[in-house]
Amino acid sequence: MRPFPLKQVCLGWHDAGTYNKNIEEWPLRGGANGNLRFEIELKQTLSSQSSFSGLVNALKLLQPIKDKYSGVTYADLFQLASATAMEEAGGTKFPMKYGRVDVSEPEQCPEEGRLPGK
């Protein structure tokens, strides 16, 4: 897999990987909610896993698309980029559903340590 598609896959994973089915209240339950666009979330991700430092570049690459299609949420855009990158790299084509809701402020991001394996 080429480096760029890998970063898009990581972007989707890190945005969605904080989901906790045992928490009912949104946005506390985490999941794909566009939280990686906030500096605090990027710092937590980057400080814990230096191999994912390319996430900032992946975000910069997606920003013009978000600017052009402002009605698309960051959460949907991150998941679409991840699924498209996997497909372009020869992986599975994932059926997509849209309508995810973005968190609106950094205080709504899940607490640090929610990604599996931490």
PDB file of N, CA and C in Angstrom:
ATOM      1  N   MET A   1       0.845  -1.168   0.000  1.00  0.00           N
ATOM      2  CA  MET A   1       0.000   0.000   0.000  1.00  0.00           C
ATOM      3  C   MET A   1       0.898   1.240   0.000  1.00  0.00           C
ATOM      4  N   ARG A   2       0.619   2.178  -0.864  1.00  0.00           N
ATOM      5  CA  ARG A   2       1.399   3.417  -0.920  1.00  0.00           C
ATOM      6  C   ARG A   2       1.158   4.254   0.331  1.00  0.00           C
ATOM      7  N   PRO A   3       2.129   5.123   0.695  1.00  0.00           N
ATOM      8  CA  PRO A   3       1.992   5.905   1.933  1.00  0.00           C
ATOM      9  C   PRO A   3       0.743   6.776   2.004  1.00  0.00           C
ATOM     10  N   PHE A   4       0.385   7.459   0.919  1.00  0.00           N
ATOM     11  CA  PHE A   4      -0.784   8.332   1.004  1.00  0.00           C
ATOM     12  C   PHE A   4      -2.058   7.559   1.337  1.00  0.00           C
ATOM     13  N   PRO A   5      -2.371   6.473   0.607  1.00  0.00           N
ATOM     14  CA  PRO A   5      -3.587   5.749   0.983  1.00  0.00           C
ATOM     15  C   PRO A   5      -3.547   5.257   2.426  1.00  0.00           C
ATOM     16  N   LEU A   6      -2.373   4.867   2.892  1.00  0.00           N
ATOM     17  CA  LEU A   6      -2.272   4.414   4.272  1.00  0.00           C
ATOM     18  C   LEU A   6      -2.675   5.520   5.237  1.00  0.00           C
ATOM     19  N   LYS A   7      -2.267   6.743   4.973  1.00  0.00           N
ATOM     20  CA  LYS A   7      -2.618   7.854   5.862  1.00  0.00           C
ATOM     21  C   LYS A   7      -4.116   8.126   5.842  1.00  0.00           C
ATOM     22  N   GLN A   8      -4.746   7.956   4.690  1.00  0.00           N
ATOM     23  CA  GLN A   8      -6.203   8.142   4.622  1.00  0.00           C
ATOM     24  C   GLN A   8      -6.925   7.057   5.411  1.00  0.00           C
ATOM     25  N   VAL A   9      -6.412   5.833   5.336  1.00  0.00           N
ATOM     26  CA  VAL A   9      -6.996   4.741   6.114  1.00  0.00           C
ATOM     27  C   VAL A   9      -6.826   5.028   7.605  1.00  0.00           C
ATOM     28  N   CYS A  10      -5.640   5.476   7.983  1.00  0.00           N
ATOM     29  CA  CYS A  10      -5.390   5.816   9.398  1.00  0.00           C
ATOM     30  C   CYS A  10      -6.290   6.949   9.869  1.00  0.00           C
ATOM     31  N   LEU A  11      -6.533   7.909   8.993  1.00  0.00           N
ATOM     32  CA  LEU A  11      -7.410   9.026   9.338  1.00  0.00           C
ATOM     33  C   LEU A  11      -8.813   8.508   9.683  1.00  0.00           C
ATOM     34  N   GLY A  12      -9.351   7.647   8.837  1.00  0.00           N
ATOM     35  CA  GLY A  12     -10.673   7.069   9.098  1.00  0.00           C
ATOM     36  C   GLY A  12     -10.690   6.232  10.369  1.00  0.00           C
ATOM     37  N   TRP A  13      -9.629   5.449  10.557  1.00  0.00           N
ATOM     38  CA  TRP A  13      -9.550   4.596  11.747  1.00  0.00           C
ATOM     39  C   TRP A  13      -9.498   5.437  13.023  1.00  0.00           C
ATOM     40  N   HIS A  14      -8.626   6.426  13.045  1.00  0.00           N
ATOM     41  CA  HIS A  14      -8.477   7.231  14.252  1.00  0.00           C
ATOM     42  C   HIS A  14      -9.734   8.048  14.554  1.00  0.00           C
ATOM     43  N   ASP A  15     -10.466   8.435  13.528  1.00  0.00           N
ATOM     44  CA  ASP A  15     -11.702   9.175  13.775  1.00  0.00           C
ATOM     45  C   ASP A  15     -12.785   8.255  14.332  1.00  0.00           C
ATOM     46  N   ALA A  16     -12.824   7.016  13.865  1.00  0.00           N
ATOM     47  CA  ALA A  16     -13.891   6.087  14.269  1.00  0.00           C
ATOM     48  C   ALA A  16     -13.518   5.207  15.455  1.00  0.00           C
ATOM     49  N   GLY A  17     -12.236   5.015  15.702  1.00  0.00           N
ATOM     50  CA  GLY A  17     -11.772   4.010  16.648  1.00  0.00           C
ATOM     51  C   GLY A  17     -12.080   4.268  18.111  1.00  0.00           C
ATOM     52  N   THR A  18     -12.598   5.423  18.437  1.00  0.00           N
ATOM     53  CA  THR A  18     -12.895   5.734  19.834  1.00  0.00           C
ATOM     54  C   THR A  18     -14.315   5.328  20.240  1.00  0.00           C
ATOM     55  N   TYR A  19     -15.052   4.705  19.331  1.00  0.00           N
ATOM     56  CA  TYR A  19     -16.442   4.342  19.611  1.00  0.00           C
ATOM     57  C   TYR A  19     -16.535   3.405  20.817  1.00  0.00           C
ATOM     58  N   ASN A  20     -17.481   3.669  21.693  1.00  0.00           N
ATOM     59  CA  ASN A  20     -17.724   2.826  22.867  1.00  0.00           C
ATOM     60  C   ASN A  20     -19.222   2.553  22.938  1.00  0.00           C
ATOM     61  N   LYS A  21     -19.613   1.328  22.616  1.00  0.00           N
ATOM     62  CA  LYS A  21     -21.040   0.975  22.586  1.00  0.00           C
ATOM     63  C   LYS A  21     -21.699   1.052  23.957  1.00  0.00           C
ATOM     64  N   ASN A  22     -20.915   1.055  25.026  1.00  0.00           N
ATOM     65  CA  ASN A  22     -21.476   1.096  26.375  1.00  0.00           C
ATOM     66  C   ASN A  22     -21.831   2.504  26.841  1.00  0.00           C
ATOM     67  N   ILE A  23     -21.491   3.496  26.045  1.00  0.00           N
ATOM     68  CA  ILE A  23     -21.841   4.880  26.367  1.00  0.00           C
ATOM     69  C   ILE A  23     -22.956   5.300  25.424  1.00  0.00           C
ATOM     70  N   GLU A  24     -24.095   5.666  25.969  1.00  0.00           N
ATOM     71  CA  GLU A  24     -25.243   6.001  25.136  1.00  0.00           C
ATOM     72  C   GLU A  24     -25.222   7.438  24.626  1.00  0.00           C
ATOM     73  N   GLU A  25     -24.701   8.351  25.408  1.00  0.00           N
ATOM     74  CA  GLU A  25     -24.786   9.764  25.076  1.00  0.00           C
ATOM     75  C   GLU A  25     -23.781  10.160  23.985  1.00  0.00           C
ATOM     76  N   TRP A  26     -24.290  10.836  22.960  1.00  0.00           N
ATOM     77  CA  TRP A  26     -23.422  11.391  21.920  1.00  0.00           C
ATOM     78  C   TRP A  26     -23.087  12.816  22.328  1.00  0.00           C
ATOM     79  N   PRO A  27     -21.906  13.283  22.179  1.00  0.00           N
ATOM     80  CA  PRO A  27     -20.762  12.687  21.497  1.00  0.00           C
ATOM     81  C   PRO A  27     -19.826  11.901  22.403  1.00  0.00           C
ATOM     82  N   LEU A  28     -20.191  11.709  23.667  1.00  0.00           N
ATOM     83  CA  LEU A  28     -19.295  11.016  24.600  1.00  0.00           C
ATOM     84  C   LEU A  28     -18.939   9.604  24.155  1.00  0.00           C
ATOM     85  N   ARG A  29     -19.832   8.958  23.392  1.00  0.00           N
ATOM     86  CA  ARG A  29     -19.558   7.583  22.991  1.00  0.00           C
ATOM     87  C   ARG A  29     -18.474   7.482  21.917  1.00  0.00           C
ATOM     88  N   GLY A  30     -18.068   8.621  21.342  1.00  0.00           N
ATOM     89  CA  GLY A  30     -16.988   8.606  20.348  1.00  0.00           C
ATOM     90  C   GLY A  30     -17.468   8.113  19.002  1.00  0.00           C
ATOM     91  N   GLY A  31     -16.556   7.548  18.254  1.00  0.00           N
ATOM     92  CA  GLY A  31     -16.875   7.062  16.920  1.00  0.00           C
ATOM     93  C   GLY A  31     -16.535   8.096  15.862  1.00  0.00           C
ATOM     94  N   ALA A  32     -16.944   7.822  14.637  1.00  0.00           N
ATOM     95  CA  ALA A  32     -16.644   8.707  13.503  1.00  0.00           C
ATOM     96  C   ALA A  32     -17.437  10.000  13.668  1.00  0.00           C
ATOM     97  N   ASN A  33     -16.764  11.021  14.168  1.00  0.00           N
ATOM     98  CA  ASN A  33     -17.460  12.279  14.444  1.00  0.00           C
ATOM     99  C   ASN A  33     -16.651  13.512  14.031  1.00  0.00           C
ATOM    100  N   GLY A  34     -15.622  13.314  13.208  1.00  0.00           N
ATOM    101  CA  GLY A  34     -14.847  14.444  12.699  1.00  0.00           C
ATOM    102  C   GLY A  34     -13.917  15.084  13.709  1.00  0.00           C
ATOM    103  N   ASN A  35     -13.661  14.403  14.821  1.00  0.00           N
ATOM    104  CA  ASN A  35     -12.880  15.026  15.893  1.00  0.00           C
ATOM    105  C   ASN A  35     -11.418  15.269  15.540  1.00  0.00           C
ATOM    106  N   LEU A  36     -10.886  14.568  14.560  1.00  0.00           N
ATOM    107  CA  LEU A  36      -9.459  14.725  14.247  1.00  0.00           C
ATOM    108  C   LEU A  36      -9.100  16.079  13.654  1.00  0.00           C
ATOM    109  N   ARG A  37     -10.060  16.877  13.337  1.00  0.00           N
ATOM    110  CA  ARG A  37      -9.720  18.201  12.802  1.00  0.00           C
ATOM    111  C   ARG A  37      -9.321  19.173  13.907  1.00  0.00           C
ATOM    112  N   PHE A  38      -9.495  18.789  15.152  1.00  0.00           N
ATOM    113  CA  PHE A  38      -9.131  19.655  16.271  1.00  0.00           C
ATOM    114  C   PHE A  38      -7.712  19.358  16.732  1.00  0.00           C
ATOM    115  N   GLU A  39      -6.998  20.417  17.042  1.00  0.00           N
ATOM    116  CA  GLU A  39      -5.585  20.310  17.413  1.00  0.00           C
ATOM    117  C   GLU A  39      -5.368  19.382  18.609  1.00  0.00           C
ATOM    118  N   ILE A  40      -6.221  19.451  19.604  1.00  0.00           N
ATOM    119  CA  ILE A  40      -6.037  18.610  20.795  1.00  0.00           C
ATOM    120  C   ILE A  40      -6.095  17.129  20.438  1.00  0.00           C
ATOM    121  N   GLU A  41      -6.974  16.765  19.547  1.00  0.00           N
ATOM    122  CA  GLU A  41      -7.106  15.362  19.137  1.00  0.00           C
ATOM    123  C   GLU A  41      -5.898  14.929  18.322  1.00  0.00           C
ATOM    124  N   LEU A  42      -5.429  15.786  17.441  1.00  0.00           N
ATOM    125  CA  LEU A  42      -4.227  15.466  16.660  1.00  0.00           C
ATOM    126  C   LEU A  42      -3.014  15.311  17.564  1.00  0.00           C
ATOM    127  N   LYS A  43      -2.875  16.181  18.536  1.00  0.00           N
ATOM    128  CA  LYS A  43      -1.732  16.087  19.455  1.00  0.00           C
ATOM    129  C   LYS A  43      -1.757  14.774  20.222  1.00  0.00           C
ATOM    130  N   GLN A  44      -2.926  14.358  20.681  1.00  0.00           N
ATOM    131  CA  GLN A  44      -3.035  13.089  21.405  1.00  0.00           C
ATOM    132  C   GLN A  44      -2.666  11.929  20.495  1.00  0.00           C
ATOM    133  N   THR A  45      -3.158  11.954  19.267  1.00  0.00           N
ATOM    134  CA  THR A  45      -2.876  10.887  18.318  1.00  0.00           C
ATOM    135  C   THR A  45      -1.400  10.866  17.960  1.00  0.00           C
ATOM    136  N   LEU A  46      -0.848  12.034  17.659  1.00  0.00           N
ATOM    137  CA  LEU A  46       0.538  12.100  17.220  1.00  0.00           C
ATOM    138  C   LEU A  46       1.508  11.794  18.347  1.00  0.00           C
ATOM    139  N   SER A  47       1.194  12.209  19.555  1.00  0.00           N
ATOM    140  CA  SER A  47       2.121  11.960  20.660  1.00  0.00           C
ATOM    141  C   SER A  47       2.161  10.487  21.035  1.00  0.00           C
ATOM    142  N   SER A  48       1.081   9.781  20.810  1.00  0.00           N
ATOM    143  CA  SER A  48       1.043   8.379  21.198  1.00  0.00           C
ATOM    144  C   SER A  48       1.531   7.445  20.100  1.00  0.00           C
ATOM    145  N   GLN A  49       1.482   7.892  18.850  1.00  0.00           N
ATOM    146  CA  GLN A  49       1.870   7.018  17.744  1.00  0.00           C
ATOM    147  C   GLN A  49       2.542   7.850  16.673  1.00  0.00           C
ATOM    148  N   SER A  50       3.857   7.973  16.775  1.00  0.00           N
ATOM    149  CA  SER A  50       4.589   8.847  15.859  1.00  0.00           C
ATOM    150  C   SER A  50       4.478   8.400  14.408  1.00  0.00           C
ATOM    151  N   SER A  51       4.175   7.136  14.153  1.00  0.00           N
ATOM    152  CA  SER A  51       4.066   6.674  12.769  1.00  0.00           C
ATOM    153  C   SER A  51       2.865   7.276  12.056  1.00  0.00           C
ATOM    154  N   PHE A  52       1.970   7.927  12.792  1.00  0.00           N
ATOM    155  CA  PHE A  52       0.791   8.509  12.182  1.00  0.00           C
ATOM    156  C   PHE A  52       0.916  10.020  11.988  1.00  0.00           C
ATOM    157  N   SER A  53       2.155  10.510  11.969  1.00  0.00           N
ATOM    158  CA  SER A  53       2.358  11.954  11.822  1.00  0.00           C
ATOM    159  C   SER A  53       1.870  12.470  10.472  1.00  0.00           C
ATOM    160  N   GLY A  54       1.680  11.624   9.500  1.00  0.00           N
ATOM    161  CA  GLY A  54       1.169  12.034   8.196  1.00  0.00           C
ATOM    162  C   GLY A  54      -0.303  12.392   8.210  1.00  0.00           C
ATOM    163  N   LEU A  55      -0.971  12.226   9.340  1.00  0.00           N
ATOM    164  CA  LEU A  55      -2.389  12.570   9.417  1.00  0.00           C
ATOM    165  C   LEU A  55      -2.623  14.046   9.139  1.00  0.00           C
ATOM    166  N   VAL A  56      -1.702  14.891   9.561  1.00  0.00           N
ATOM    167  CA  VAL A  56      -1.844  16.326   9.312  1.00  0.00           C
ATOM    168  C   VAL A  56      -1.859  16.581   7.810  1.00  0.00           C
ATOM    169  N   ASN A  57      -0.978  15.918   7.070  1.00  0.00           N
ATOM    170  CA  ASN A  57      -0.960  16.086   5.622  1.00  0.00           C
ATOM    171  C   ASN A  57      -2.220  15.521   4.974  1.00  0.00           C
ATOM    172  N   ALA A  58      -2.725  14.426   5.498  1.00  0.00           N
ATOM    173  CA  ALA A  58      -3.971  13.858   4.976  1.00  0.00           C
ATOM    174  C   ALA A  58      -5.129  14.836   5.186  1.00  0.00           C
ATOM    175  N   LEU A  59      -5.159  15.469   6.344  1.00  0.00           N
ATOM    176  CA  LEU A  59      -6.194  16.471   6.622  1.00  0.00           C
ATOM    177  C   LEU A  59      -6.082  17.662   5.674  1.00  0.00           C
ATOM    178  N   LYS A  60      -4.859  18.119   5.442  1.00  0.00           N
ATOM    179  CA  LYS A  60      -4.648  19.253   4.542  1.00  0.00           C
ATOM    180  C   LYS A  60      -5.099  18.925   3.130  1.00  0.00           C
ATOM    181  N   LEU A  61      -4.904  17.691   2.722  1.00  0.00           N
ATOM    182  CA  LEU A  61      -5.316  17.288   1.383  1.00  0.00           C
ATOM    183  C   LEU A  61      -6.837  17.253   1.245  1.00  0.00           C
ATOM    184  N   LEU A  62      -7.529  16.914   2.322  1.00  0.00           N
ATOM    185  CA  LEU A  62      -8.991  16.828   2.275  1.00  0.00           C
ATOM    186  C   LEU A  62      -9.684  18.175   2.470  1.00  0.00           C
ATOM    187  N   GLN A  63      -9.002  19.139   3.048  1.00  0.00           N
ATOM    188  CA  GLN A  63      -9.648  20.416   3.358  1.00  0.00           C
ATOM    189  C   GLN A  63     -10.245  21.117   2.134  1.00  0.00           C
ATOM    190  N   PRO A  64      -9.559  21.147   0.970  1.00  0.00           N
ATOM    191  CA  PRO A  64     -10.189  21.784  -0.195  1.00  0.00           C
ATOM    192  C   PRO A  64     -11.499  21.106  -0.623  1.00  0.00           C
ATOM    193  N   ILE A  65     -11.575  19.794  -0.414  1.00  0.00           N
ATOM    194  CA  ILE A  65     -12.818  19.087  -0.744  1.00  0.00           C
ATOM    195  C   ILE A  65     -13.917  19.524   0.219  1.00  0.00           C
ATOM    196  N   LYS A  66     -13.570  19.606   1.494  1.00  0.00           N
ATOM    197  CA  LYS A  66     -14.543  20.054   2.500  1.00  0.00           C
ATOM    198  C   LYS A  66     -14.987  21.482   2.212  1.00  0.00           C
ATOM    199  N   ASP A  67     -14.036  22.333   1.812  1.00  0.00           N
ATOM    200  CA  ASP A  67     -14.381  23.723   1.493  1.00  0.00           C
ATOM    201  C   ASP A  67     -15.343  23.801   0.309  1.00  0.00           C
ATOM    202  N   LYS A  68     -15.122  22.957  -0.676  1.00  0.00           N
ATOM    203  CA  LYS A  68     -15.975  22.969  -1.865  1.00  0.00           C
ATOM    204  C   LYS A  68     -17.358  22.388  -1.584  1.00  0.00           C
ATOM    205  N   TYR A  69     -17.403  21.356  -0.749  1.00  0.00           N
ATOM    206  CA  TYR A  69     -18.665  20.678  -0.426  1.00  0.00           C
ATOM    207  C   TYR A  69     -18.939  20.857   1.066  1.00  0.00           C
ATOM    208  N   SER A  70     -19.295  22.045   1.455  1.00  0.00           N
ATOM    209  CA  SER A  70     -19.430  22.386   2.876  1.00  0.00           C
ATOM    210  C   SER A  70     -20.548  21.606   3.579  1.00  0.00           C
ATOM    211  N   GLY A  71     -21.481  21.072   2.836  1.00  0.00           N
ATOM    212  CA  GLY A  71     -22.562  20.292   3.446  1.00  0.00           C
ATOM    213  C   GLY A  71     -22.149  18.890   3.859  1.00  0.00           C
ATOM    214  N   VAL A  72     -20.992  18.450   3.417  1.00  0.00           N
ATOM    215  CA  VAL A  72     -20.470  17.135   3.795  1.00  0.00           C
ATOM    216  C   VAL A  72     -19.768  17.279   5.145  1.00  0.00           C
ATOM    217  N   THR A  73     -20.054  16.393   6.063  1.00  0.00           N
ATOM    218  CA  THR A  73     -19.403  16.474   7.371  1.00  0.00           C
ATOM    219  C   THR A  73     -17.968  15.953   7.285  1.00  0.00           C
ATOM    220  N   TYR A  74     -17.143  16.409   8.202  1.00  0.00           N
ATOM    221  CA  TYR A  74     -15.784  15.874   8.287  1.00  0.00           C
ATOM    222  C   TYR A  74     -15.833  14.372   8.546  1.00  0.00           C
ATOM    223  N   ALA A  75     -16.736  13.941   9.401  1.00  0.00           N
ATOM    224  CA  ALA A  75     -16.839  12.521   9.727  1.00  0.00           C
ATOM    225  C   ALA A  75     -17.106  11.691   8.478  1.00  0.00           C
ATOM    226  N   ASP A  76     -18.043  12.111   7.647  1.00  0.00           N
ATOM    227  CA  ASP A  76     -18.308  11.390   6.397  1.00  0.00           C
ATOM    228  C   ASP A  76     -17.110  11.467   5.452  1.00  0.00           C
ATOM    229  N   LEU A  77     -16.495  12.634   5.363  1.00  0.00           N
ATOM    230  CA  LEU A  77     -15.353  12.807   4.471  1.00  0.00           C
ATOM    231  C   LEU A  77     -14.187  11.912   4.886  1.00  0.00           C
ATOM    232  N   PHE A  78     -13.888  11.836   6.171  1.00  0.00           N
ATOM    233  CA  PHE A  78     -12.787  10.989   6.648  1.00  0.00           C
ATOM    234  C   PHE A  78     -13.065   9.516   6.342  1.00  0.00           C
ATOM    235  N   GLN A  79     -14.305   9.081   6.557  1.00  0.00           N
ATOM    236  CA  GLN A  79     -14.634   7.681   6.296  1.00  0.00           C
ATOM    237  C   GLN A  79     -14.642   7.375   4.800  1.00  0.00           C
ATOM    238  N   LEU A  80     -15.119   8.305   3.992  1.00  0.00           N
ATOM    239  CA  LEU A  80     -15.089   8.122   2.545  1.00  0.00           C
ATOM    240  C   LEU A  80     -13.646   8.048   2.043  1.00  0.00           C
ATOM    241  N   ALA A  81     -12.788   8.928   2.523  1.00  0.00           N
ATOM    242  CA  ALA A  81     -11.376   8.918   2.114  1.00  0.00           C
ATOM    243  C   ALA A  81     -10.716   7.599   2.493  1.00  0.00           C
ATOM    244  N   SER A  82     -11.020   7.104   3.670  1.00  0.00           N
ATOM    245  CA  SER A  82     -10.449   5.840   4.124  1.00  0.00           C
ATOM    246  C   SER A  82     -10.918   4.675   3.247  1.00  0.00           C
ATOM    247  N   ALA A  83     -12.203   4.589   3.015  1.00  0.00           N
ATOM    248  CA  ALA A  83     -12.750   3.504   2.200  1.00  0.00           C
ATOM    249  C   ALA A  83     -12.242   3.580   0.763  1.00  0.00           C
ATOM    250  N   THR A  84     -12.158   4.781   0.213  1.00  0.00           N
ATOM    251  CA  THR A  84     -11.661   4.960  -1.158  1.00  0.00           C
ATOM    252  C   THR A  84     -10.193   4.565  -1.249  1.00  0.00           C
ATOM    253  N   ALA A  85      -9.402   4.939  -0.262  1.00  0.00           N
ATOM    254  CA  ALA A  85      -7.980   4.579  -0.255  1.00  0.00           C
ATOM    255  C   ALA A  85      -7.802   3.065  -0.230  1.00  0.00           C
ATOM    256  N   MET A  86      -8.603   2.377   0.577  1.00  0.00           N
ATOM    257  CA  MET A  86      -8.502   0.914   0.614  1.00  0.00           C
ATOM    258  C   MET A  86      -8.866   0.301  -0.728  1.00  0.00           C
ATOM    259  N   GLU A  87      -9.916   0.816  -1.320  1.00  0.00           N
ATOM    260  CA  GLU A  87     -10.347   0.295  -2.625  1.00  0.00           C
ATOM    261  C   GLU A  87      -9.287   0.573  -3.696  1.00  0.00           C
ATOM    262  N   GLU A  88      -8.746   1.787  -3.722  1.00  0.00           N
ATOM    263  CA  GLU A  88      -7.725   2.152  -4.714  1.00  0.00           C
ATOM    264  C   GLU A  88      -6.441   1.343  -4.552  1.00  0.00           C
ATOM    265  N   ALA A  89      -6.178   0.886  -3.347  1.00  0.00           N
ATOM    266  CA  ALA A  89      -4.981   0.076  -3.085  1.00  0.00           C
ATOM    267  C   ALA A  89      -5.231  -1.407  -3.388  1.00  0.00           C
ATOM    268  N   GLY A  90      -6.405  -1.725  -3.909  1.00  0.00           N
ATOM    269  CA  GLY A  90      -6.705  -3.099  -4.274  1.00  0.00           C
ATOM    270  C   GLY A  90      -7.480  -3.871  -3.219  1.00  0.00           C
ATOM    271  N   GLY A  91      -7.944  -3.184  -2.200  1.00  0.00           N
ATOM    272  CA  GLY A  91      -8.689  -3.845  -1.134  1.00  0.00           C
ATOM    273  C   GLY A  91     -10.176  -3.909  -1.416  1.00  0.00           C
ATOM    274  N   THR A  92     -10.894  -4.240  -0.407  1.00  0.00           N
ATOM    275  CA  THR A  92     -12.341  -4.401  -0.477  1.00  0.00           C
ATOM    276  C   THR A  92     -13.041  -3.073  -0.737  1.00  0.00           C
ATOM    277  N   LYS A  93     -14.114  -3.133  -1.525  1.00  0.00           N
ATOM    278  CA  LYS A  93     -14.968  -1.959  -1.699  1.00  0.00           C
ATOM    279  C   LYS A  93     -16.034  -2.017  -0.606  1.00  0.00           C
ATOM    280  N   PHE A  94     -16.062  -0.971   0.212  1.00  0.00           N
ATOM    281  CA  PHE A  94     -16.996  -0.931   1.330  1.00  0.00           C
ATOM    282  C   PHE A  94     -18.232  -0.134   0.945  1.00  0.00           C
ATOM    283  N   PRO A  95     -19.417  -0.667   1.237  1.00  0.00           N
ATOM    284  CA  PRO A  95     -20.623   0.134   1.018  1.00  0.00           C
ATOM    285  C   PRO A  95     -20.622   1.291   2.024  1.00  0.00           C
ATOM    286  N   MET A  96     -20.940   2.467   1.541  1.00  0.00           N
ATOM    287  CA  MET A  96     -20.897   3.649   2.398  1.00  0.00           C
ATOM    288  C   MET A  96     -22.309   4.119   2.720  1.00  0.00           C
ATOM    289  N   LYS A  97     -22.472   4.571   3.928  1.00  0.00           N
ATOM    290  CA  LYS A  97     -23.695   5.248   4.359  1.00  0.00           C
ATOM    291  C   LYS A  97     -23.268   6.588   4.902  1.00  0.00           C
ATOM    292  N   TYR A  98     -24.034   7.609   4.615  1.00  0.00           N
ATOM    293  CA  TYR A  98     -23.664   8.969   5.005  1.00  0.00           C
ATOM    294  C   TYR A  98     -24.684   9.541   5.983  1.00  0.00           C
ATOM    295  N   GLY A  99     -24.284  10.588   6.653  1.00  0.00           N
ATOM    296  CA  GLY A  99     -25.160  11.244   7.602  1.00  0.00           C
ATOM    297  C   GLY A  99     -24.542  11.351   8.988  1.00  0.00           C
ATOM    298  N   ARG A 100     -23.228  11.064   9.081  1.00  0.00           N
ATOM    299  CA  ARG A 100     -22.553  11.215  10.376  1.00  0.00           C
ATOM    300  C   ARG A 100     -22.575  12.674  10.795  1.00  0.00           C
ATOM    301  N   VAL A 101     -22.567  12.901  12.084  1.00  0.00           N
ATOM    302  CA  VAL A 101     -22.610  14.250  12.643  1.00  0.00           C
ATOM    303  C   VAL A 101     -21.237  14.584  13.206  1.00  0.00           C
ATOM    304  N   ASP A 102     -20.756  15.774  12.906  1.00  0.00           N
ATOM    305  CA  ASP A 102     -19.480  16.245  13.443  1.00  0.00           C
ATOM    306  C   ASP A 102     -19.649  16.806  14.846  1.00  0.00           C
ATOM    307  N   VAL A 103     -18.629  16.581  15.689  1.00  0.00           N
ATOM    308  CA  VAL A 103     -18.577  17.348  16.928  1.00  0.00           C
ATOM    309  C   VAL A 103     -18.282  18.787  16.524  1.00  0.00           C
ATOM    310  N   SER A 104     -18.730  19.727  17.328  1.00  0.00           N
ATOM    311  CA  SER A 104     -18.591  21.134  16.939  1.00  0.00           C
ATOM    312  C   SER A 104     -17.484  21.871  17.664  1.00  0.00           C
ATOM    313  N   GLU A 105     -16.920  21.253  18.697  1.00  0.00           N
ATOM    314  CA  GLU A 105     -15.859  21.927  19.455  1.00  0.00           C
ATOM    315  C   GLU A 105     -14.933  20.883  20.078  1.00  0.00           C
ATOM    316  N   PRO A 106     -13.698  21.255  20.357  1.00  0.00           N
ATOM    317  CA  PRO A 106     -12.726  20.300  20.897  1.00  0.00           C
ATOM    318  C   PRO A 106     -13.164  19.645  22.206  1.00  0.00           C
ATOM    319  N   GLU A 107     -13.949  20.342  22.998  1.00  0.00           N
ATOM    320  CA  GLU A 107     -14.402  19.784  24.272  1.00  0.00           C
ATOM    321  C   GLU A 107     -15.303  18.556  24.094  1.00  0.00           C
ATOM    322  N   GLN A 108     -15.806  18.346  22.892  1.00  0.00           N
ATOM    323  CA  GLN A 108     -16.665  17.190  22.627  1.00  0.00           C
ATOM    324  C   GLN A 108     -15.874  15.959  22.189  1.00  0.00           C
ATOM    325  N   CYS A 109     -14.562  16.085  22.033  1.00  0.00           N
ATOM    326  CA  CYS A 109     -13.730  14.952  21.624  1.00  0.00           C
ATOM    327  C   CYS A 109     -13.665  13.925  22.754  1.00  0.00           C
ATOM    328  N   PRO A 110     -13.582  12.639  22.406  1.00  0.00           N
ATOM    329  CA  PRO A 110     -13.439  11.621  23.450  1.00  0.00           C
ATOM    330  C   PRO A 110     -12.139  11.817  24.222  1.00  0.00           C
ATOM    331  N   GLU A 111     -12.135  11.358  25.468  1.00  0.00           N
ATOM    332  CA  GLU A 111     -10.931  11.496  26.275  1.00  0.00           C
ATOM    333  C   GLU A 111      -9.797  10.655  25.693  1.00  0.00           C
ATOM    334  N   GLU A 112      -8.587  11.043  26.014  1.00  0.00           N
ATOM    335  CA  GLU A 112      -7.406  10.329  25.525  1.00  0.00           C
ATOM    336  C   GLU A 112      -7.404   8.899  26.056  1.00  0.00           C
ATOM    337  N   GLY A 113      -6.904   8.000  25.228  1.00  0.00           N
ATOM    338  CA  GLY A 113      -6.758   6.608  25.645  1.00  0.00           C
ATOM    339  C   GLY A 113      -7.879   5.699  25.209  1.00  0.00           C
ATOM    340  N   ARG A 114      -8.774   6.171  24.350  1.00  0.00           N
ATOM    341  CA  ARG A 114      -9.914   5.354  23.939  1.00  0.00           C
ATOM    342  C   ARG A 114      -9.635   4.433  22.758  1.00  0.00           C
ATOM    343  N   LEU A 115      -8.555   4.691  22.020  1.00  0.00           N
ATOM    344  CA  LEU A 115      -8.258   3.807  20.896  1.00  0.00           C
ATOM    345  C   LEU A 115      -7.809   2.445  21.411  1.00  0.00           C
ATOM    346  N   PRO A 116      -8.282   1.367  20.794  1.00  0.00           N
ATOM    347  CA  PRO A 116      -7.837   0.032  21.223  1.00  0.00           C
ATOM    348  C   PRO A 116      -6.318  -0.089  21.115  1.00  0.00           C
ATOM    349  N   GLY A 117      -5.747  -0.830  22.009  1.00  0.00           N
ATOM    350  CA  GLY A 117      -4.311  -1.075  21.976  1.00  0.00           C
ATOM    351  C   GLY A 117      -3.495  -0.048  22.704  1.00  0.00           C
ATOM    352  N   LYS A 118      -4.135   0.941  23.300  1.00  0.00           N
ATOM    353  CA  LYS A 118      -3.372   1.952  24.036  1.00  0.00           C
ATOM    354  C   LYS A 118      -3.215   1.525  25.466  1.00  0.00           C
TER     355      LYS A 118
END
